[in-house]
Amino acid sequence: MVHLAWWPWLLVAAAVGWSLFSLRALTLGVTYLNDSSLHEQMVRFATQRFEAGHLPLTSWFPYLGLGSPQFLHYQSLPSMLTGGAGTVVGADVAFRWSLYLLLALWPLCVYAAARVFGLRPSLKRSGAFFSERIR
């Protein structure tokens, strides 16, 4: 018999496990038709700059309009972190896997946030479990 203290974690683990299973197609290479294409290009650019020994923050990003200092004026930390991982596994693979893991682990984030806010245990469990459905 499973101890009652483990039930919340089992529900969260079930939601994360289902997300990992149902979202596994996100790890395949596809062409994005939304703003993910820009974010993927930012990861590619950051990876190229890191491999060349330069910081993306000091570089001109030529792939948006006529170009801009994109990494100075936009949210660049996620692209730079993923670009750093891209130096090891490749920019496209790093982008796809980061997207996959961020979406699949979302129920765990909801459960942790509910714990931080001090919600009732039933709300923590159900919030984490149903966040997989809302995504």
Protein backbone atom coordinates (compact mmCIF):
# COMPACT_ATOMS: atom_id res chain seq x y z
CA MET A 1 0.00 0.00 0.00
CA VAL A 2 1.32 3.41 -0.92
CA HIS A 3 1.75 5.80 1.97
CA LEU A 4 -0.69 8.74 1.83
CA ALA A 5 2.12 11.33 1.74
CA TRP A 6 3.14 10.01 -1.70
CA TRP A 7 -0.26 10.48 -3.38
CA PRO A 8 0.33 14.10 -4.41
CA TRP A 9 3.65 13.19 -5.99
CA LEU A 10 2.13 10.19 -7.75
CA LEU A 11 -0.54 12.37 -9.36
CA VAL A 12 2.07 14.92 -10.43
CA ALA A 13 4.30 12.13 -11.73
CA ALA A 14 1.37 10.69 -13.68
CA ALA A 15 0.67 14.08 -15.28
CA VAL A 16 4.36 14.59 -16.13
CA GLY A 17 4.63 11.03 -17.45
CA TRP A 18 1.60 11.52 -19.68
CA SER A 19 3.01 14.82 -20.94
CA LEU A 20 6.35 13.20 -21.71
CA PHE A 21 4.55 10.50 -23.67
CA SER A 22 2.01 12.64 -25.50
CA LEU A 23 4.44 15.42 -26.46
CA ARG A 24 7.25 13.18 -27.70
CA ALA A 25 6.66 14.33 -31.30
CA LEU A 26 8.03 17.75 -30.33
CA THR A 27 11.53 16.27 -30.45
CA LEU A 28 11.24 15.73 -34.22
CA GLY A 29 12.56 18.33 -36.63
CA VAL A 30 9.78 20.42 -38.16
CA THR A 31 9.36 23.86 -39.68
CA TYR A 32 7.62 26.20 -37.26
CA LEU A 33 4.97 28.51 -38.68
CA ASN A 34 4.61 30.72 -35.61
CA ASP A 35 7.00 32.87 -33.60
CA SER A 36 8.92 29.75 -32.59
CA SER A 37 10.73 30.12 -35.91
CA LEU A 38 12.23 33.40 -34.67
CA HIS A 39 13.15 31.88 -31.32
CA GLU A 40 14.78 28.91 -33.02
CA GLN A 41 16.74 31.30 -35.24
CA MET A 42 17.86 33.21 -32.14
CA VAL A 43 19.14 29.95 -30.66
CA ARG A 44 20.99 29.17 -33.89
CA PHE A 45 22.51 32.64 -33.90
CA ALA A 46 23.55 32.39 -30.24
CA THR A 47 25.13 29.00 -30.89
CA GLN A 48 27.07 30.38 -33.86
CA ARG A 49 28.29 33.36 -31.83
CA PHE A 50 29.38 31.16 -28.92
CA GLU A 51 31.21 28.81 -31.26
CA ALA A 52 32.97 31.81 -32.83
CA GLY A 53 34.03 33.01 -29.37
CA HIS A 54 31.73 36.04 -29.23
CA LEU A 55 28.84 37.08 -27.00
CA PRO A 56 25.44 37.30 -28.69
CA LEU A 57 24.71 40.44 -26.65
CA THR A 58 27.30 42.39 -28.66
CA SER A 59 26.19 41.11 -32.05
CA TRP A 60 23.92 42.43 -34.77
CA PHE A 61 21.01 40.05 -35.43
CA PRO A 62 20.40 40.31 -39.20
CA TYR A 63 17.47 37.88 -39.52
CA LEU A 64 14.61 40.19 -38.48
CA GLY A 65 13.69 43.01 -40.82
CA LEU A 66 16.82 44.96 -41.65
CA GLY A 67 18.49 43.65 -38.52
CA SER A 68 18.67 44.85 -34.96
CA PRO A 69 20.63 44.41 -31.75
CA GLN A 70 17.98 41.80 -30.90
CA PHE A 71 19.85 40.27 -27.98
CA LEU A 72 20.10 43.65 -26.25
CA HIS A 73 16.48 44.70 -26.72
CA TYR A 74 14.60 41.44 -26.39
CA GLN A 75 14.38 38.52 -23.96
CA SER A 76 17.73 36.96 -24.79
CA LEU A 77 18.64 34.85 -21.74
CA PRO A 78 16.60 31.78 -22.81
CA SER A 79 18.09 31.92 -26.30
CA MET A 80 21.60 32.26 -24.92
CA LEU A 81 21.18 29.39 -22.44
CA THR A 82 19.74 27.14 -25.13
CA GLY A 83 22.45 28.34 -27.53
CA GLY A 84 25.04 27.31 -24.95
CA ALA A 85 23.52 23.83 -24.90
CA GLY A 86 23.46 24.01 -28.69
CA THR A 87 27.24 24.16 -28.78
CA VAL A 88 27.19 20.60 -27.43
CA VAL A 89 24.21 18.97 -29.18
CA GLY A 90 23.39 21.37 -32.00
CA ALA A 91 21.14 24.41 -31.99
CA ASP A 92 18.04 22.77 -33.49
CA VAL A 93 18.20 19.77 -31.17
CA ALA A 94 18.71 22.00 -28.13
CA PHE A 95 15.71 24.15 -29.11
CA ARG A 96 13.40 21.19 -29.71
CA TRP A 97 14.37 19.41 -26.49
CA SER A 98 14.12 22.55 -24.38
CA LEU A 99 10.62 23.18 -25.76
CA TYR A 100 9.66 19.56 -25.14
CA LEU A 101 10.95 19.49 -21.56
CA LEU A 102 9.49 22.88 -20.65
CA LEU A 103 6.03 21.83 -21.80
CA ALA A 104 6.21 18.30 -20.40
CA LEU A 105 7.37 19.45 -16.95
CA TRP A 106 4.70 22.14 -16.71
CA PRO A 107 2.56 20.15 -14.19
CA LEU A 108 5.56 20.02 -11.86
CA CYS A 109 5.85 23.82 -12.04
CA VAL A 110 2.15 24.24 -11.27
CA TYR A 111 2.43 21.93 -8.26
CA ALA A 112 5.52 23.76 -6.97
CA ALA A 113 3.80 27.15 -7.38
CA ALA A 114 0.74 25.88 -5.51
CA ARG A 115 3.02 24.77 -2.68
CA VAL A 116 4.69 28.18 -2.57
CA PHE A 117 1.30 29.91 -2.39
CA GLY A 118 0.20 27.56 0.39
CA LEU A 119 -2.90 26.19 -1.34
CA ARG A 120 -4.83 23.25 0.06
CA PRO A 121 -3.38 19.82 -0.82
CA SER A 122 -6.39 18.94 -2.98
CA LEU A 123 -5.90 22.11 -5.04
CA LYS A 124 -2.19 21.40 -5.47
CA ARG A 125 -2.82 17.90 -6.76
CA SER A 126 -5.71 18.78 -9.02
CA GLY A 127 -3.96 21.89 -10.35
CA ALA A 128 -0.90 19.88 -11.34
CA PHE A 129 -2.98 17.05 -12.75
CA PHE A 130 -5.29 19.23 -14.84
CA SER A 131 -2.60 21.65 -16.00
CA GLU A 132 -1.56 18.97 -18.47
CA ARG A 133 -5.04 19.19 -20.00
CA ILE A 134 -5.13 22.99 -20.14
CA ARG A 135 -1.80 23.34 -21.91
